[in-house]
Amino acid sequence: MAKVFRTTIDLQKYMEKACEKAIENACNRLLGTLQEFIDSEYYDKYEPEYYRRTYQFWKSATTKMLNKTSGEIFMDENAMNYGAYWDGETQLYMADAGYHGSAYIYEDGHFFKRFVEYCEENALKILKEELRKQGLNVK
């Protein structure tokens, strides 16, 4: 059933709310994909022998709305605490280069490169799907 708007303000409010929800949902879907790449391209590549995983790295993947029309998916370096010798920034750099908790443990796996490639191929399609779910007709 078609939605009827009495004023342009009503239409604008409806569009803004629908777009904001679609962007938030798209970001959440992409976040799930980032976490899948962390699993497949990082955690599955190496089984630790000397430590137990805390999954701080996986949990540091996050999303947030920047405003009503844009969101971001990112790795939060401040969400990781490995001690004085290895901070979140170091973890992100080393993990993306294929290292696991040490410069001596290398297993080829580049989770973020794969994620960027995925986004380049799918982010627009996902956003359009989410816009349609909000009742907006997009091509």
N, C-alpha and C. Protein backbone atom coordinates (compact mmCIF):
# COMPACT_ATOMS: atom_id res chain seq x y z
N MET A 1 0.84 -1.17 0.00
CA MET A 1 0.00 0.00 0.00
C MET A 1 0.89 1.24 0.00
N ALA A 2 0.53 2.20 -0.81
CA ALA A 2 1.30 3.44 -0.93
C ALA A 2 1.13 4.30 0.32
N LYS A 3 2.20 4.94 0.71
CA LYS A 3 2.18 5.85 1.87
C LYS A 3 1.84 7.24 1.36
N VAL A 4 0.96 7.92 2.06
CA VAL A 4 0.54 9.27 1.67
C VAL A 4 1.17 10.28 2.63
N PHE A 5 1.76 11.30 2.06
CA PHE A 5 2.38 12.37 2.84
C PHE A 5 1.60 13.64 2.61
N ARG A 6 1.26 14.32 3.67
CA ARG A 6 0.47 15.54 3.58
C ARG A 6 1.34 16.78 3.32
N THR A 7 2.58 16.72 3.77
CA THR A 7 3.48 17.86 3.57
C THR A 7 4.85 17.34 3.12
N THR A 8 5.65 18.23 2.56
CA THR A 8 7.00 17.85 2.18
C THR A 8 7.85 17.57 3.42
N ILE A 9 7.53 18.22 4.52
CA ILE A 9 8.24 17.97 5.77
C ILE A 9 8.01 16.53 6.23
N ASP A 10 6.76 16.07 6.13
CA ASP A 10 6.46 14.68 6.49
C ASP A 10 7.23 13.71 5.60
N LEU A 11 7.30 13.99 4.32
CA LEU A 11 8.05 13.16 3.38
C LEU A 11 9.53 13.16 3.75
N GLN A 12 10.06 14.33 4.04
CA GLN A 12 11.47 14.46 4.39
C GLN A 12 11.79 13.67 5.66
N LYS A 13 10.96 13.79 6.67
CA LYS A 13 11.18 13.05 7.92
C LYS A 13 11.15 11.54 7.68
N TYR A 14 10.19 11.09 6.88
CA TYR A 14 10.08 9.68 6.56
C TYR A 14 11.34 9.18 5.84
N MET A 15 11.78 9.93 4.85
CA MET A 15 12.96 9.55 4.06
C MET A 15 14.21 9.52 4.94
N GLU A 16 14.36 10.53 5.78
CA GLU A 16 15.54 10.59 6.64
C GLU A 16 15.58 9.40 7.61
N LYS A 17 14.43 9.10 8.19
CA LYS A 17 14.38 7.97 9.14
C LYS A 17 14.64 6.65 8.42
N ALA A 18 14.06 6.47 7.25
CA ALA A 18 14.26 5.24 6.49
C ALA A 18 15.72 5.09 6.05
N CYS A 19 16.31 6.18 5.58
CA CYS A 19 17.71 6.12 5.15
C CYS A 19 18.64 5.84 6.33
N GLU A 20 18.40 6.49 7.46
CA GLU A 20 19.24 6.26 8.63
C GLU A 20 19.18 4.79 9.06
N LYS A 21 17.98 4.23 9.08
CA LYS A 21 17.83 2.82 9.49
C LYS A 21 18.50 1.90 8.47
N ALA A 22 18.36 2.21 7.19
CA ALA A 22 18.98 1.38 6.15
C ALA A 22 20.51 1.42 6.26
N ILE A 23 21.06 2.60 6.50
CA ILE A 23 22.51 2.73 6.63
C ILE A 23 23.00 1.97 7.86
N GLU A 24 22.30 2.10 8.96
CA GLU A 24 22.67 1.38 10.18
C GLU A 24 22.63 -0.13 9.95
N ASN A 25 21.58 -0.61 9.30
CA ASN A 25 21.47 -2.05 9.03
C ASN A 25 22.56 -2.52 8.07
N ALA A 26 22.87 -1.72 7.05
CA ALA A 26 23.93 -2.08 6.12
C ALA A 26 25.28 -2.16 6.84
N CYS A 27 25.54 -1.20 7.70
CA CYS A 27 26.79 -1.22 8.48
C CYS A 27 26.87 -2.47 9.35
N ASN A 28 25.78 -2.84 9.96
CA ASN A 28 25.77 -4.04 10.81
C ASN A 28 26.01 -5.31 9.99
N ARG A 29 25.44 -5.36 8.80
CA ARG A 29 25.68 -6.51 7.93
C ARG A 29 27.15 -6.58 7.52
N LEU A 30 27.71 -5.43 7.17
CA LEU A 30 29.12 -5.39 6.79
C LEU A 30 30.03 -5.72 7.97
N LEU A 31 29.65 -5.30 9.16
CA LEU A 31 30.41 -5.65 10.36
C LEU A 31 30.44 -7.17 10.53
N GLY A 32 29.32 -7.82 10.31
CA GLY A 32 29.29 -9.28 10.40
C GLY A 32 30.24 -9.93 9.40
N THR A 33 30.33 -9.35 8.23
CA THR A 33 31.26 -9.87 7.23
C THR A 33 32.70 -9.64 7.66
N LEU A 34 33.00 -8.47 8.22
CA LEU A 34 34.35 -8.21 8.73
C LEU A 34 34.72 -9.25 9.79
N GLN A 35 33.80 -9.55 10.68
CA GLN A 35 34.07 -10.53 11.72
C GLN A 35 34.28 -11.93 11.12
N GLU A 36 33.56 -12.25 10.06
CA GLU A 36 33.77 -13.53 9.37
C GLU A 36 35.16 -13.59 8.76
N PHE A 37 35.62 -12.47 8.17
CA PHE A 37 36.98 -12.43 7.61
C PHE A 37 38.04 -12.53 8.71
N ILE A 38 37.78 -11.94 9.86
CA ILE A 38 38.72 -12.08 10.97
C ILE A 38 38.81 -13.55 11.36
N ASP A 39 37.67 -14.23 11.40
CA ASP A 39 37.69 -15.66 11.72
C ASP A 39 38.45 -16.46 10.66
N SER A 40 38.10 -16.28 9.40
CA SER A 40 38.66 -17.13 8.34
C SER A 40 40.07 -16.73 7.93
N GLU A 41 40.37 -15.44 7.92
CA GLU A 41 41.67 -14.97 7.44
C GLU A 41 42.66 -14.68 8.56
N TYR A 42 42.23 -14.82 9.80
CA TYR A 42 43.14 -14.57 10.90
C TYR A 42 43.12 -15.72 11.91
N TYR A 43 42.02 -15.87 12.64
CA TYR A 43 41.97 -16.89 13.69
C TYR A 43 42.14 -18.31 13.14
N ASP A 44 41.52 -18.61 12.01
CA ASP A 44 41.62 -19.97 11.48
C ASP A 44 42.99 -20.30 10.91
N LYS A 45 43.83 -19.31 10.73
CA LYS A 45 45.15 -19.52 10.13
C LYS A 45 46.20 -19.99 11.13
N TYR A 46 45.92 -19.77 12.42
CA TYR A 46 46.94 -20.12 13.41
C TYR A 46 46.28 -20.55 14.72
N GLU A 47 46.75 -21.66 15.25
CA GLU A 47 46.27 -22.15 16.55
C GLU A 47 47.38 -21.89 17.58
N PRO A 48 47.13 -21.01 18.55
CA PRO A 48 48.19 -20.67 19.50
C PRO A 48 48.60 -21.85 20.38
N GLU A 49 49.89 -21.91 20.66
CA GLU A 49 50.43 -22.96 21.52
C GLU A 49 50.74 -22.44 22.93
N TYR A 50 51.01 -21.14 23.04
CA TYR A 50 51.52 -20.59 24.31
C TYR A 50 50.56 -19.63 25.00
N TYR A 51 49.43 -19.37 24.40
CA TYR A 51 48.48 -18.45 25.03
C TYR A 51 47.06 -18.84 24.66
N ARG A 52 46.14 -18.36 25.42
CA ARG A 52 44.72 -18.60 25.15
C ARG A 52 44.13 -17.33 24.56
N ARG A 53 43.40 -17.47 23.50
CA ARG A 53 42.81 -16.32 22.84
C ARG A 53 41.78 -15.64 23.73
N THR A 54 41.82 -14.32 23.72
CA THR A 54 40.84 -13.52 24.46
C THR A 54 39.74 -13.00 23.54
N TYR A 55 39.97 -13.06 22.24
CA TYR A 55 39.06 -12.55 21.22
C TYR A 55 38.85 -11.05 21.32
N GLN A 56 39.78 -10.35 21.97
CA GLN A 56 39.72 -8.89 22.00
C GLN A 56 39.77 -8.33 20.58
N PHE A 57 40.58 -8.96 19.76
CA PHE A 57 40.74 -8.51 18.38
C PHE A 57 39.41 -8.60 17.64
N TRP A 58 38.77 -9.74 17.71
CA TRP A 58 37.48 -9.95 17.04
C TRP A 58 36.44 -8.97 17.56
N LYS A 59 36.42 -8.81 18.89
CA LYS A 59 35.44 -7.91 19.51
C LYS A 59 35.73 -6.45 19.21
N SER A 60 36.95 -6.12 18.80
CA SER A 60 37.27 -4.73 18.49
C SER A 60 36.67 -4.26 17.17
N ALA A 61 36.23 -5.20 16.35
CA ALA A 61 35.53 -4.83 15.12
C ALA A 61 34.19 -4.23 15.53
N THR A 62 33.90 -3.06 15.03
CA THR A 62 32.69 -2.37 15.47
C THR A 62 32.15 -1.46 14.38
N THR A 63 31.00 -0.92 14.64
CA THR A 63 30.38 0.04 13.73
C THR A 63 29.72 1.13 14.55
N LYS A 64 29.63 2.30 13.96
CA LYS A 64 28.90 3.39 14.61
C LYS A 64 28.38 4.34 13.54
N MET A 65 27.28 4.94 13.86
CA MET A 65 26.72 5.96 12.98
C MET A 65 27.47 7.26 13.23
N LEU A 66 27.96 7.88 12.16
CA LEU A 66 28.66 9.16 12.27
C LEU A 66 27.67 10.32 12.33
N ASN A 67 26.59 10.15 11.59
CA ASN A 67 25.47 11.09 11.60
C ASN A 67 24.29 10.34 10.99
N LYS A 68 23.23 11.02 10.62
CA LYS A 68 22.04 10.32 10.11
C LYS A 68 22.22 9.76 8.70
N THR A 69 23.28 10.17 8.02
CA THR A 69 23.45 9.72 6.64
C THR A 69 24.74 8.95 6.39
N SER A 70 25.50 8.66 7.44
CA SER A 70 26.71 7.88 7.21
C SER A 70 27.11 7.12 8.47
N GLY A 71 27.68 5.97 8.23
CA GLY A 71 28.16 5.13 9.30
C GLY A 71 29.55 4.63 8.96
N GLU A 72 30.20 4.03 9.93
CA GLU A 72 31.53 3.50 9.68
C GLU A 72 31.67 2.14 10.34
N ILE A 73 32.47 1.31 9.68
CA ILE A 73 32.82 -0.01 10.19
C ILE A 73 34.32 0.04 10.38
N PHE A 74 34.79 -0.31 11.57
CA PHE A 74 36.22 -0.15 11.82
C PHE A 74 36.69 -1.07 12.93
N MET A 75 38.00 -1.14 13.06
CA MET A 75 38.63 -1.88 14.14
C MET A 75 39.03 -0.84 15.19
N ASP A 76 38.53 -1.00 16.41
CA ASP A 76 38.78 -0.05 17.48
C ASP A 76 40.04 -0.46 18.24
N GLU A 77 41.13 0.23 17.96
CA GLU A 77 42.41 -0.12 18.59
C GLU A 77 42.38 0.06 20.11
N ASN A 78 41.49 0.92 20.59
CA ASN A 78 41.38 1.14 22.03
C ASN A 78 40.63 0.03 22.76
N ALA A 79 40.00 -0.87 22.01
CA ALA A 79 39.24 -1.98 22.61
C ALA A 79 40.13 -3.17 22.93
N MET A 80 41.42 -3.04 22.61
CA MET A 80 42.36 -4.15 22.85
C MET A 80 43.40 -3.73 23.88
N ASN A 81 43.70 -4.65 24.81
CA ASN A 81 44.72 -4.40 25.81
C ASN A 81 45.52 -5.68 26.00
N TYR A 82 46.68 -5.70 25.36
CA TYR A 82 47.54 -6.88 25.44
C TYR A 82 48.74 -6.64 26.34
N GLY A 83 48.77 -5.54 27.03
CA GLY A 83 49.91 -5.20 27.88
C GLY A 83 50.78 -4.16 27.22
N ALA A 84 51.80 -3.76 27.93
CA ALA A 84 52.65 -2.66 27.47
C ALA A 84 53.41 -2.98 26.19
N TYR A 85 53.69 -4.24 25.95
CA TYR A 85 54.53 -4.60 24.81
C TYR A 85 53.78 -4.63 23.47
N TRP A 86 52.45 -4.65 23.51
CA TRP A 86 51.69 -4.88 22.26
C TRP A 86 50.35 -4.18 22.39
N ASP A 87 50.22 -3.01 21.83
CA ASP A 87 48.97 -2.25 21.95
C ASP A 87 48.04 -2.54 20.78
N GLY A 88 46.86 -1.95 20.80
CA GLY A 88 45.86 -2.18 19.77
C GLY A 88 46.32 -1.77 18.38
N GLU A 89 47.02 -0.65 18.31
CA GLU A 89 47.53 -0.18 17.01
C GLU A 89 48.51 -1.20 16.42
N THR A 90 49.41 -1.71 17.27
CA THR A 90 50.37 -2.71 16.82
C THR A 90 49.64 -3.98 16.39
N GLN A 91 48.64 -4.40 17.16
CA GLN A 91 47.87 -5.59 16.81
C GLN A 91 47.22 -5.45 15.45
N LEU A 92 46.61 -4.31 15.18
CA LEU A 92 45.95 -4.12 13.89
C LEU A 92 46.95 -4.16 12.75
N TYR A 93 48.06 -3.49 12.91
CA TYR A 93 49.08 -3.47 11.86
C TYR A 93 49.63 -4.88 11.61
N MET A 94 50.00 -5.55 12.68
CA MET A 94 50.60 -6.87 12.54
C MET A 94 49.60 -7.91 12.04
N ALA A 95 48.36 -7.84 12.51
CA ALA A 95 47.36 -8.81 12.06
C ALA A 95 47.08 -8.63 10.57
N ASP A 96 46.98 -7.40 10.12
CA ASP A 96 46.72 -7.18 8.70
C ASP A 96 47.90 -7.63 7.85
N ALA A 97 49.10 -7.63 8.41
CA ALA A 97 50.28 -8.10 7.69
C ALA A 97 50.42 -9.63 7.76
N GLY A 98 49.59 -10.28 8.58
CA GLY A 98 49.60 -11.74 8.67
C GLY A 98 50.29 -12.31 9.89
N TYR A 99 50.67 -11.47 10.84
CA TYR A 99 51.36 -11.92 12.04
C TYR A 99 50.37 -12.17 13.19
N HIS A 100 50.74 -13.11 14.07
CA HIS A 100 49.86 -13.53 15.16
C HIS A 100 50.53 -13.35 16.51
N GLY A 101 50.33 -12.19 17.11
CA GLY A 101 50.81 -11.96 18.46
C GLY A 101 52.31 -11.84 18.62
N SER A 102 53.03 -11.94 17.52
CA SER A 102 54.49 -11.87 17.56
C SER A 102 55.00 -11.64 16.15
N ALA A 103 56.12 -10.97 16.04
CA ALA A 103 56.73 -10.78 14.72
C ALA A 103 57.34 -12.08 14.22
N TYR A 104 57.36 -13.13 15.05
CA TYR A 104 57.93 -14.42 14.67
C TYR A 104 56.89 -15.42 14.18
N ILE A 105 55.63 -15.09 14.33
CA ILE A 105 54.57 -16.03 13.95
C ILE A 105 53.81 -15.44 12.76
N TYR A 106 54.13 -15.94 11.57
CA TYR A 106 53.50 -15.44 10.35
C TYR A 106 52.69 -16.54 9.69
N GLU A 107 51.46 -16.24 9.42
CA GLU A 107 50.57 -17.11 8.65
C GLU A 107 49.83 -16.21 7.67
N ASP A 108 50.02 -16.43 6.41
CA ASP A 108 49.45 -15.55 5.39
C ASP A 108 47.93 -15.46 5.54
N GLY A 109 47.46 -14.28 5.76
CA GLY A 109 46.04 -14.01 5.89
C GLY A 109 45.85 -12.51 6.04
N HIS A 110 45.08 -11.94 5.17
CA HIS A 110 44.95 -10.48 5.15
C HIS A 110 43.46 -10.11 5.23
N PHE A 111 42.95 -10.15 6.45
CA PHE A 111 41.52 -9.98 6.69
C PHE A 111 41.00 -8.64 6.19
N PHE A 112 41.75 -7.56 6.41
CA PHE A 112 41.21 -6.25 6.08
C PHE A 112 41.22 -6.01 4.57
N LYS A 113 42.23 -6.48 3.89
CA LYS A 113 42.27 -6.37 2.42
C LYS A 113 41.07 -7.09 1.82
N ARG A 114 40.80 -8.28 2.31
CA ARG A 114 39.64 -9.05 1.82
C ARG A 114 38.34 -8.32 2.12
N PHE A 115 38.26 -7.70 3.31
CA PHE A 115 37.06 -6.97 3.69
C PHE A 115 36.85 -5.76 2.78
N VAL A 116 37.90 -5.02 2.50
CA VAL A 116 37.79 -3.86 1.61
C VAL A 116 37.33 -4.30 0.21
N GLU A 117 37.90 -5.38 -0.29
CA GLU A 117 37.48 -5.91 -1.59
C GLU A 117 36.00 -6.28 -1.56
N TYR A 118 35.57 -6.93 -0.49
CA TYR A 118 34.16 -7.30 -0.35
C TYR A 118 33.27 -6.06 -0.36
N CYS A 119 33.66 -5.05 0.39
CA CYS A 119 32.87 -3.81 0.44
C CYS A 119 32.78 -3.15 -0.93
N GLU A 120 33.90 -3.11 -1.64
CA GLU A 120 33.89 -2.50 -2.97
C GLU A 120 32.93 -3.21 -3.90
N GLU A 121 32.80 -4.52 -3.74
CA GLU A 121 31.93 -5.31 -4.60
C GLU A 121 30.48 -5.34 -4.12
N ASN A 122 30.23 -5.20 -2.80
CA ASN A 122 28.90 -5.50 -2.27
C ASN A 122 28.23 -4.41 -1.45
N ALA A 123 28.95 -3.41 -0.98
CA ALA A 123 28.36 -2.43 -0.05
C ALA A 123 27.16 -1.70 -0.66
N LEU A 124 27.28 -1.27 -1.90
CA LEU A 124 26.17 -0.56 -2.53
C LEU A 124 24.95 -1.46 -2.69
N LYS A 125 25.17 -2.70 -3.08
CA LYS A 125 24.07 -3.66 -3.22
C LYS A 125 23.38 -3.88 -1.87
N ILE A 126 24.17 -4.02 -0.82
CA ILE A 126 23.61 -4.22 0.52
C ILE A 126 22.81 -3.01 0.96
N LEU A 127 23.35 -1.81 0.71
CA LEU A 127 22.61 -0.60 1.07
C LEU A 127 21.29 -0.52 0.32
N LYS A 128 21.28 -0.82 -0.95
CA LYS A 128 20.04 -0.80 -1.72
C LYS A 128 19.03 -1.81 -1.17
N GLU A 129 19.50 -2.99 -0.80
CA GLU A 129 18.61 -3.99 -0.19
C GLU A 129 17.99 -3.44 1.09
N GLU A 130 18.81 -2.80 1.90
CA GLU A 130 18.31 -2.26 3.17
C GLU A 130 17.36 -1.08 2.94
N LEU A 131 17.61 -0.29 1.94
CA LEU A 131 16.68 0.81 1.59
C LEU A 131 15.34 0.25 1.16
N ARG A 132 15.36 -0.83 0.37
CA ARG A 132 14.11 -1.47 -0.06
C ARG A 132 13.34 -2.03 1.13
N LYS A 133 14.08 -2.59 2.09
CA LYS A 133 13.42 -3.12 3.30
C LYS A 133 12.71 -2.02 4.09
N GLN A 134 13.18 -0.80 3.92
CA GLN A 134 12.56 0.35 4.61
C GLN A 134 11.42 0.94 3.77
N GLY A 135 11.11 0.32 2.65
CA GLY A 135 9.99 0.76 1.83
C GLY A 135 10.35 1.77 0.76
N LEU A 136 11.63 1.96 0.49
CA LEU A 136 12.03 2.91 -0.54
C LEU A 136 12.32 2.16 -1.84
N ASN A 137 11.85 2.70 -2.93
CA ASN A 137 12.05 2.08 -4.24
C ASN A 137 13.34 2.63 -4.83
N VAL A 138 14.37 1.80 -4.88
CA VAL A 138 15.67 2.23 -5.44
C VAL A 138 16.06 1.29 -6.56
N LYS A 139 16.80 1.83 -7.49
CA LYS A 139 17.27 1.02 -8.65
C LYS A 139 18.66 0.52 -8.41
